Amino acid sequence: MAIIIQDYEPSGDTIEVILPGSKKRWSIPNAETLTIKQMSAAQRGDFGFIYDLFPEEAHELIDNLHTKQIEQLLKGWTKESGVEDGPKE
């Protein structure tokens, strides 16, 4: 018996984020694009994958985020992506 894992392509939807210190709306891929490596890093408290979501010009703004702001970003991102309570259909 074998488990066959189907190919999967994330929807390509994006979420808009306004970071403190900027009026620009940054478009980032929705949370269903996370790989197991990124999810594992997040669970360990390594939020470096957040830099991969944003263009380099936003990295300085990300550097200045505090714990509560990172939590707000992650909760809002997963909620808006529809993965807060599991993947959206």
PDB file of N, CA and C in Angstrom:
ATOM      1  N   MET A   1       0.844  -1.164   0.000  1.00  0.00           N
ATOM      2  CA  MET A   1       0.000   0.000   0.000  1.00  0.00           C
ATOM      3  C   MET A   1       0.897   1.238   0.000  1.00  0.00           C
ATOM      4  N   ALA A   2       0.466   2.276  -0.692  1.00  0.00           N
ATOM      5  CA  ALA A   2       1.250   3.506  -0.782  1.00  0.00           C
ATOM      6  C   ALA A   2       0.344   4.711  -0.593  1.00  0.00           C
ATOM      7  N   ILE A   3       0.907   5.713   0.015  1.00  0.00           N
ATOM      8  CA  ILE A   3       0.211   7.005   0.121  1.00  0.00           C
ATOM      9  C   ILE A   3       0.711   7.856  -1.028  1.00  0.00           C
ATOM     10  N   ILE A   4      -0.195   8.325  -1.830  1.00  0.00           N
ATOM     11  CA  ILE A   4       0.173   9.164  -2.961  1.00  0.00           C
ATOM     12  C   ILE A   4      -0.191  10.601  -2.615  1.00  0.00           C
ATOM     13  N   ILE A   5       0.822  11.430  -2.524  1.00  0.00           N
ATOM     14  CA  ILE A   5       0.607  12.846  -2.201  1.00  0.00           C
ATOM     15  C   ILE A   5       0.453  13.598  -3.513  1.00  0.00           C
ATOM     16  N   GLN A   6      -0.663  14.256  -3.644  1.00  0.00           N
ATOM     17  CA  GLN A   6      -0.977  14.984  -4.866  1.00  0.00           C
ATOM     18  C   GLN A   6      -0.124  16.249  -4.985  1.00  0.00           C
ATOM     19  N   ASP A   7       0.162  16.654  -6.208  1.00  0.00           N
ATOM     20  CA  ASP A   7       0.824  17.930  -6.436  1.00  0.00           C
ATOM     21  C   ASP A   7      -0.060  19.021  -5.864  1.00  0.00           C
ATOM     22  N   TYR A   8       0.572  20.067  -5.380  1.00  0.00           N
ATOM     23  CA  TYR A   8      -0.186  21.160  -4.789  1.00  0.00           C
ATOM     24  C   TYR A   8       0.422  22.474  -5.225  1.00  0.00           C
ATOM     25  N   GLU A   9      -0.405  23.374  -5.649  1.00  0.00           N
ATOM     26  CA  GLU A   9       0.031  24.715  -6.023  1.00  0.00           C
ATOM     27  C   GLU A   9      -0.811  25.707  -5.224  1.00  0.00           C
ATOM     28  N   PRO A  10      -0.162  26.514  -4.349  1.00  0.00           N
ATOM     29  CA  PRO A  10      -0.929  27.510  -3.593  1.00  0.00           C
ATOM     30  C   PRO A  10      -1.707  28.423  -4.534  1.00  0.00           C
ATOM     31  N   SER A  11      -2.751  29.010  -4.014  1.00  0.00           N
ATOM     32  CA  SER A  11      -3.686  29.780  -4.835  1.00  0.00           C
ATOM     33  C   SER A  11      -3.073  30.999  -5.509  1.00  0.00           C
ATOM     34  N   GLY A  12      -2.029  31.558  -4.941  1.00  0.00           N
ATOM     35  CA  GLY A  12      -1.448  32.773  -5.513  1.00  0.00           C
ATOM     36  C   GLY A  12      -2.088  34.031  -4.973  1.00  0.00           C
ATOM     37  N   ASP A  13      -3.073  33.877  -4.083  1.00  0.00           N
ATOM     38  CA  ASP A  13      -3.695  35.042  -3.459  1.00  0.00           C
ATOM     39  C   ASP A  13      -2.667  35.775  -2.609  1.00  0.00           C
ATOM     40  N   THR A  14      -2.880  37.065  -2.442  1.00  0.00           N
ATOM     41  CA  THR A  14      -1.987  37.855  -1.602  1.00  0.00           C
ATOM     42  C   THR A  14      -2.778  38.556  -0.506  1.00  0.00           C
ATOM     43  N   ILE A  15      -2.055  38.956   0.522  1.00  0.00           N
ATOM     44  CA  ILE A  15      -2.617  39.691   1.653  1.00  0.00           C
ATOM     45  C   ILE A  15      -1.883  41.019   1.710  1.00  0.00           C
ATOM     46  N   GLU A  16      -2.598  42.103   1.954  1.00  0.00           N
ATOM     47  CA  GLU A  16      -1.958  43.406   2.077  1.00  0.00           C
ATOM     48  C   GLU A  16      -1.658  43.702   3.534  1.00  0.00           C
ATOM     49  N   VAL A  17      -0.466  44.240   3.772  1.00  0.00           N
ATOM     50  CA  VAL A  17      -0.012  44.561   5.124  1.00  0.00           C
ATOM     51  C   VAL A  17       0.548  45.978   5.122  1.00  0.00           C
ATOM     52  N   ILE A  18       0.193  46.759   6.122  1.00  0.00           N
ATOM     53  CA  ILE A  18       0.793  48.074   6.328  1.00  0.00           C
ATOM     54  C   ILE A  18       1.661  47.966   7.571  1.00  0.00           C
ATOM     55  N   LEU A  19       2.962  48.156   7.396  1.00  0.00           N
ATOM     56  CA  LEU A  19       3.912  48.059   8.503  1.00  0.00           C
ATOM     57  C   LEU A  19       4.059  49.408   9.192  1.00  0.00           C
ATOM     58  N   PRO A  20       4.319  49.410  10.509  1.00  0.00           N
ATOM     59  CA  PRO A  20       4.541  50.674  11.213  1.00  0.00           C
ATOM     60  C   PRO A  20       5.701  51.437  10.573  1.00  0.00           C
ATOM     61  N   GLY A  21       5.525  52.738  10.420  1.00  0.00           N
ATOM     62  CA  GLY A  21       6.559  53.566   9.823  1.00  0.00           C
ATOM     63  C   GLY A  21       6.432  53.700   8.313  1.00  0.00           C
ATOM     64  N   SER A  22       5.390  53.112   7.749  1.00  0.00           N
ATOM     65  CA  SER A  22       5.177  53.166   6.303  1.00  0.00           C
ATOM     66  C   SER A  22       3.684  53.288   6.033  1.00  0.00           C
ATOM     67  N   LYS A  23       3.352  54.034   4.999  1.00  0.00           N
ATOM     68  CA  LYS A  23       1.960  54.120   4.574  1.00  0.00           C
ATOM     69  C   LYS A  23       1.697  53.175   3.405  1.00  0.00           C
ATOM     70  N   LYS A  24       2.773  52.570   2.906  1.00  0.00           N
ATOM     71  CA  LYS A  24       2.670  51.663   1.755  1.00  0.00           C
ATOM     72  C   LYS A  24       1.975  50.370   2.151  1.00  0.00           C
ATOM     73  N   ARG A  25       1.178  49.857   1.246  1.00  0.00           N
ATOM     74  CA  ARG A  25       0.561  48.540   1.422  1.00  0.00           C
ATOM     75  C   ARG A  25       1.468  47.519   0.757  1.00  0.00           C
ATOM     76  N   TRP A  26       1.993  46.616   1.565  1.00  0.00           N
ATOM     77  CA  TRP A  26       2.875  45.575   1.063  1.00  0.00           C
ATOM     78  C   TRP A  26       2.032  44.337   0.774  1.00  0.00           C
ATOM     79  N   SER A  27       2.168  43.764  -0.406  1.00  0.00           N
ATOM     80  CA  SER A  27       1.453  42.537  -0.759  1.00  0.00           C
ATOM     81  C   SER A  27       2.365  41.352  -0.479  1.00  0.00           C
ATOM     82  N   ILE A  28       1.866  40.431   0.349  1.00  0.00           N
ATOM     83  CA  ILE A  28       2.628  39.229   0.656  1.00  0.00           C
ATOM     84  C   ILE A  28       1.777  38.015   0.287  1.00  0.00           C
ATOM     85  N   PRO A  29       2.422  36.894  -0.032  1.00  0.00           N
ATOM     86  CA  PRO A  29       1.644  35.696  -0.376  1.00  0.00           C
ATOM     87  C   PRO A  29       0.838  35.217   0.824  1.00  0.00           C
ATOM     88  N   ASN A  30      -0.293  34.595   0.560  1.00  0.00           N
ATOM     89  CA  ASN A  30      -1.093  34.126   1.687  1.00  0.00           C
ATOM     90  C   ASN A  30      -0.387  32.979   2.414  1.00  0.00           C
ATOM     91  N   ALA A  31      -0.867  32.677   3.599  1.00  0.00           N
ATOM     92  CA  ALA A  31      -0.188  31.736   4.493  1.00  0.00           C
ATOM     93  C   ALA A  31      -0.173  30.298   3.993  1.00  0.00           C
ATOM     94  N   GLU A  32      -1.006  29.965   3.025  1.00  0.00           N
ATOM     95  CA  GLU A  32      -0.982  28.584   2.536  1.00  0.00           C
ATOM     96  C   GLU A  32       0.268  28.294   1.715  1.00  0.00           C
ATOM     97  N   THR A  33       1.116  29.306   1.484  1.00  0.00           N
ATOM     98  CA  THR A  33       2.362  29.097   0.749  1.00  0.00           C
ATOM     99  C   THR A  33       3.486  28.600   1.655  1.00  0.00           C
ATOM    100  N   LEU A  34       3.273  28.585   2.966  1.00  0.00           N
ATOM    101  CA  LEU A  34       4.325  28.141   3.885  1.00  0.00           C
ATOM    102  C   LEU A  34       4.715  26.694   3.634  1.00  0.00           C
ATOM    103  N   THR A  35       5.999  26.456   3.677  1.00  0.00           N
ATOM    104  CA  THR A  35       6.510  25.093   3.564  1.00  0.00           C
ATOM    105  C   THR A  35       6.678  24.520   4.972  1.00  0.00           C
ATOM    106  N   ILE A  36       6.903  23.240   5.072  1.00  0.00           N
ATOM    107  CA  ILE A  36       7.111  22.612   6.376  1.00  0.00           C
ATOM    108  C   ILE A  36       8.327  23.205   7.081  1.00  0.00           C
ATOM    109  N   LYS A  37       9.361  23.546   6.317  1.00  0.00           N
ATOM    110  CA  LYS A  37      10.558  24.161   6.895  1.00  0.00           C
ATOM    111  C   LYS A  37      10.217  25.507   7.541  1.00  0.00           C
ATOM    112  N   GLN A  38       9.413  26.317   6.859  1.00  0.00           N
ATOM    113  CA  GLN A  38       9.022  27.612   7.401  1.00  0.00           C
ATOM    114  C   GLN A  38       8.097  27.457   8.603  1.00  0.00           C
ATOM    115  N   MET A  39       7.159  26.507   8.541  1.00  0.00           N
ATOM    116  CA  MET A  39       6.258  26.279   9.677  1.00  0.00           C
ATOM    117  C   MET A  39       7.035  25.816  10.894  1.00  0.00           C
ATOM    118  N   SER A  40       7.992  24.937  10.688  1.00  0.00           N
ATOM    119  CA  SER A  40       8.813  24.439  11.794  1.00  0.00           C
ATOM    120  C   SER A  40       9.620  25.576  12.418  1.00  0.00           C
ATOM    121  N   ALA A  41      10.177  26.436  11.572  1.00  0.00           N
ATOM    122  CA  ALA A  41      10.940  27.581  12.079  1.00  0.00           C
ATOM    123  C   ALA A  41      10.047  28.484  12.929  1.00  0.00           C
ATOM    124  N   ALA A  42       8.844  28.759  12.450  1.00  0.00           N
ATOM    125  CA  ALA A  42       7.912  29.612  13.191  1.00  0.00           C
ATOM    126  C   ALA A  42       7.558  29.000  14.541  1.00  0.00           C
ATOM    127  N   GLN A  43       7.350  27.687  14.563  1.00  0.00           N
ATOM    128  CA  GLN A  43       7.011  27.009  15.815  1.00  0.00           C
ATOM    129  C   GLN A  43       8.169  27.070  16.810  1.00  0.00           C
ATOM    130  N   ARG A  44       9.403  27.151  16.294  1.00  0.00           N
ATOM    131  CA  ARG A  44      10.574  27.276  17.172  1.00  0.00           C
ATOM    132  C   ARG A  44      10.818  28.727  17.580  1.00  0.00           C
ATOM    133  N   GLY A  45      10.022  29.646  17.052  1.00  0.00           N
ATOM    134  CA  GLY A  45      10.204  31.057  17.357  1.00  0.00           C
ATOM    135  C   GLY A  45      11.206  31.739  16.440  1.00  0.00           C
ATOM    136  N   ASP A  46      11.577  31.080  15.342  1.00  0.00           N
ATOM    137  CA  ASP A  46      12.491  31.662  14.359  1.00  0.00           C
ATOM    138  C   ASP A  46      11.639  32.276  13.258  1.00  0.00           C
ATOM    139  N   PHE A  47      11.481  33.581  13.320  1.00  0.00           N
ATOM    140  CA  PHE A  47      10.587  34.248  12.382  1.00  0.00           C
ATOM    141  C   PHE A  47      11.319  34.838  11.182  1.00  0.00           C
ATOM    142  N   GLY A  48      12.519  34.348  10.906  1.00  0.00           N
ATOM    143  CA  GLY A  48      13.292  34.824   9.764  1.00  0.00           C
ATOM    144  C   GLY A  48      12.582  34.655   8.437  1.00  0.00           C
ATOM    145  N   PHE A  49      11.674  33.676   8.363  1.00  0.00           N
ATOM    146  CA  PHE A  49      10.947  33.457   7.108  1.00  0.00           C
ATOM    147  C   PHE A  49      10.102  34.660   6.733  1.00  0.00           C
ATOM    148  N   ILE A  50       9.790  35.525   7.706  1.00  0.00           N
ATOM    149  CA  ILE A  50       8.980  36.714   7.417  1.00  0.00           C
ATOM    150  C   ILE A  50       9.699  37.596   6.396  1.00  0.00           C
ATOM    151  N   TYR A  51      11.030  37.640   6.472  1.00  0.00           N
ATOM    152  CA  TYR A  51      11.794  38.430   5.507  1.00  0.00           C
ATOM    153  C   TYR A  51      11.577  37.922   4.082  1.00  0.00           C
ATOM    154  N   ASP A  52      11.364  36.618   3.932  1.00  0.00           N
ATOM    155  CA  ASP A  52      11.138  36.042   2.602  1.00  0.00           C
ATOM    156  C   ASP A  52       9.810  36.503   2.002  1.00  0.00           C
ATOM    157  N   LEU A  53       8.876  36.896   2.850  1.00  0.00           N
ATOM    158  CA  LEU A  53       7.556  37.296   2.377  1.00  0.00           C
ATOM    159  C   LEU A  53       7.543  38.708   1.799  1.00  0.00           C
ATOM    160  N   PHE A  54       8.423  39.555   2.318  1.00  0.00           N
ATOM    161  CA  PHE A  54       8.434  40.971   1.963  1.00  0.00           C
ATOM    162  C   PHE A  54       9.620  41.296   1.067  1.00  0.00           C
ATOM    163  N   PRO A  55       9.486  42.332   0.224  1.00  0.00           N
ATOM    164  CA  PRO A  55      10.636  42.771  -0.563  1.00  0.00           C
ATOM    165  C   PRO A  55      11.721  43.362   0.346  1.00  0.00           C
ATOM    166  N   GLU A  56      12.935  43.397  -0.139  1.00  0.00           N
ATOM    167  CA  GLU A  56      14.067  43.847   0.661  1.00  0.00           C
ATOM    168  C   GLU A  56      13.868  45.254   1.227  1.00  0.00           C
ATOM    169  N   GLU A  57      13.184  46.111   0.506  1.00  0.00           N
ATOM    170  CA  GLU A  57      12.986  47.482   0.985  1.00  0.00           C
ATOM    171  C   GLU A  57      12.139  47.545   2.267  1.00  0.00           C
ATOM    172  N   ALA A  58      11.437  46.484   2.598  1.00  0.00           N
ATOM    173  CA  ALA A  58      10.624  46.452   3.823  1.00  0.00           C
ATOM    174  C   ALA A  58      11.382  45.856   5.006  1.00  0.00           C
ATOM    175  N   HIS A  59      12.557  45.299   4.783  1.00  0.00           N
ATOM    176  CA  HIS A  59      13.272  44.582   5.839  1.00  0.00           C
ATOM    177  C   HIS A  59      13.633  45.467   7.028  1.00  0.00           C
ATOM    178  N   GLU A  60      13.978  46.708   6.781  1.00  0.00           N
ATOM    179  CA  GLU A  60      14.290  47.610   7.898  1.00  0.00           C
ATOM    180  C   GLU A  60      13.055  47.825   8.783  1.00  0.00           C
ATOM    181  N   LEU A  61      11.900  47.917   8.167  1.00  0.00           N
ATOM    182  CA  LEU A  61      10.660  48.067   8.935  1.00  0.00           C
ATOM    183  C   LEU A  61      10.383  46.806   9.751  1.00  0.00           C
ATOM    184  N   ILE A  62      10.647  45.650   9.174  1.00  0.00           N
ATOM    185  CA  ILE A  62      10.456  44.385   9.883  1.00  0.00           C
ATOM    186  C   ILE A  62      11.423  44.287  11.065  1.00  0.00           C
ATOM    187  N   ASP A  63      12.659  44.768  10.859  1.00  0.00           N
ATOM    188  CA  ASP A  63      13.653  44.756  11.933  1.00  0.00           C
ATOM    189  C   ASP A  63      13.173  45.480  13.184  1.00  0.00           C
ATOM    190  N   ASN A  64      12.302  46.465  13.005  1.00  0.00           N
ATOM    191  CA  ASN A  64      11.843  47.287  14.122  1.00  0.00           C
ATOM    192  C   ASN A  64      10.556  46.798  14.776  1.00  0.00           C
ATOM    193  N   LEU A  65      10.023  45.666  14.306  1.00  0.00           N
ATOM    194  CA  LEU A  65       8.800  45.130  14.905  1.00  0.00           C
ATOM    195  C   LEU A  65       9.080  44.538  16.280  1.00  0.00           C
ATOM    196  N   HIS A  66       8.158  44.744  17.188  1.00  0.00           N
ATOM    197  CA  HIS A  66       8.234  44.170  18.529  1.00  0.00           C
ATOM    198  C   HIS A  66       7.410  42.880  18.574  1.00  0.00           C
ATOM    199  N   THR A  67       7.572  42.125  19.626  1.00  0.00           N
ATOM    200  CA  THR A  67       6.916  40.823  19.762  1.00  0.00           C
ATOM    201  C   THR A  67       5.410  40.913  19.518  1.00  0.00           C
ATOM    202  N   LYS A  68       4.742  41.875  20.139  1.00  0.00           N
ATOM    203  CA  LYS A  68       3.280  41.998  19.979  1.00  0.00           C
ATOM    204  C   LYS A  68       2.917  42.309  18.529  1.00  0.00           C
ATOM    205  N   GLN A  69       3.758  43.084  17.839  1.00  0.00           N
ATOM    206  CA  GLN A  69       3.489  43.410  16.441  1.00  0.00           C
ATOM    207  C   GLN A  69       3.694  42.191  15.539  1.00  0.00           C
ATOM    208  N   ILE A  70       4.710  41.388  15.831  1.00  0.00           N
ATOM    209  CA  ILE A  70       4.925  40.155  15.060  1.00  0.00           C
ATOM    210  C   ILE A  70       3.743  39.218  15.257  1.00  0.00           C
ATOM    211  N   GLU A  71       3.281  39.119  16.501  1.00  0.00           N
ATOM    212  CA  GLU A  71       2.109  38.286  16.791  1.00  0.00           C
ATOM    213  C   GLU A  71       0.897  38.787  16.021  1.00  0.00           C
ATOM    214  N   GLN A  72       0.698  40.115  15.994  1.00  0.00           N
ATOM    215  CA  GLN A  72      -0.424  40.700  15.263  1.00  0.00           C
ATOM    216  C   GLN A  72      -0.301  40.405  13.765  1.00  0.00           C
ATOM    217  N   LEU A  73       0.904  40.512  13.228  1.00  0.00           N
ATOM    218  CA  LEU A  73       1.139  40.216  11.817  1.00  0.00           C
ATOM    219  C   LEU A  73       0.797  38.764  11.504  1.00  0.00           C
ATOM    220  N   LEU A  74       1.313  37.845  12.301  1.00  0.00           N
ATOM    221  CA  LEU A  74       1.095  36.421  12.031  1.00  0.00           C
ATOM    222  C   LEU A  74      -0.360  36.013  12.197  1.00  0.00           C
ATOM    223  N   LYS A  75      -1.006  36.502  13.253  1.00  0.00           N
ATOM    224  CA  LYS A  75      -2.426  36.168  13.447  1.00  0.00           C
ATOM    225  C   LYS A  75      -3.290  36.744  12.335  1.00  0.00           C
ATOM    226  N   GLY A  76      -3.046  38.004  11.983  1.00  0.00           N
ATOM    227  CA  GLY A  76      -3.822  38.635  10.910  1.00  0.00           C
ATOM    228  C   GLY A  76      -3.584  37.966   9.573  1.00  0.00           C
ATOM    229  N   TRP A  77      -2.330  37.611   9.323  1.00  0.00           N
ATOM    230  CA  TRP A  77      -1.947  36.972   8.059  1.00  0.00           C
ATOM    231  C   TRP A  77      -2.631  35.621   7.903  1.00  0.00           C
ATOM    232  N   THR A  78      -2.590  34.794   8.958  1.00  0.00           N
ATOM    233  CA  THR A  78      -3.224  33.480   8.860  1.00  0.00           C
ATOM    234  C   THR A  78      -4.745  33.606   8.783  1.00  0.00           C
ATOM    235  N   LYS A  79      -5.306  34.556   9.520  1.00  0.00           N
ATOM    236  CA  LYS A  79      -6.761  34.745   9.475  1.00  0.00           C
ATOM    237  C   LYS A  79      -7.204  35.200   8.083  1.00  0.00           C
ATOM    238  N   GLU A  80      -6.535  36.203   7.546  1.00  0.00           N
ATOM    239  CA  GLU A  80      -6.894  36.710   6.217  1.00  0.00           C
ATOM    240  C   GLU A  80      -6.636  35.674   5.123  1.00  0.00           C
ATOM    241  N   SER A  81      -5.698  34.769   5.377  1.00  0.00           N
ATOM    242  CA  SER A  81      -5.387  33.708   4.416  1.00  0.00           C
ATOM    243  C   SER A  81      -6.375  32.565   4.479  1.00  0.00           C
ATOM    244  N   GLY A  82      -7.184  32.521   5.539  1.00  0.00           N
ATOM    245  CA  GLY A  82      -8.151  31.445   5.688  1.00  0.00           C
ATOM    246  C   GLY A  82      -7.565  30.171   6.233  1.00  0.00           C
ATOM    247  N   VAL A  83      -6.390  30.241   6.848  1.00  0.00           N
ATOM    248  CA  VAL A  83      -5.773  29.045   7.402  1.00  0.00           C
ATOM    249  C   VAL A  83      -5.738  29.061   8.937  1.00  0.00           C
ATOM    250  N   GLU A  84      -6.389  30.028   9.535  1.00  0.00           N
ATOM    251  CA  GLU A  84      -6.420  30.140  10.985  1.00  0.00           C
ATOM    252  C   GLU A  84      -7.034  28.899  11.616  1.00  0.00           C
ATOM    253  N   ASP A  85      -8.106  28.416  11.012  1.00  0.00           N
ATOM    254  CA  ASP A  85      -8.785  27.222  11.520  1.00  0.00           C
ATOM    255  C   ASP A  85      -8.675  26.070  10.531  1.00  0.00           C
ATOM    256  N   GLY A  86      -7.571  26.012   9.828  1.00  0.00           N
ATOM    257  CA  GLY A  86      -7.369  24.984   8.809  1.00  0.00           C
ATOM    258  C   GLY A  86      -7.463  25.588   7.426  1.00  0.00           C
ATOM    259  N   PRO A  87      -7.047  24.856   6.425  1.00  0.00           N
ATOM    260  CA  PRO A  87      -7.053  25.390   5.052  1.00  0.00           C
ATOM    261  C   PRO A  87      -8.450  25.708   4.570  1.00  0.00           C
ATOM    262  N   LYS A  88      -8.535  26.749   3.726  1.00  0.00           N
ATOM    263  CA  LYS A  88      -9.840  27.061   3.147  1.00  0.00           C
ATOM    264  C   LYS A  88     -10.091  26.148   1.963  1.00  0.00           C
ATOM    265  N   GLU A  89     -11.323  25.867   1.734  1.00  0.00           N
ATOM    266  CA  GLU A  89     -11.716  24.944   0.653  1.00  0.00           C
ATOM    267  C   GLU A  89     -11.760  25.679  -0.679  1.00  0.00           C
TER     268      GLU A  89
END
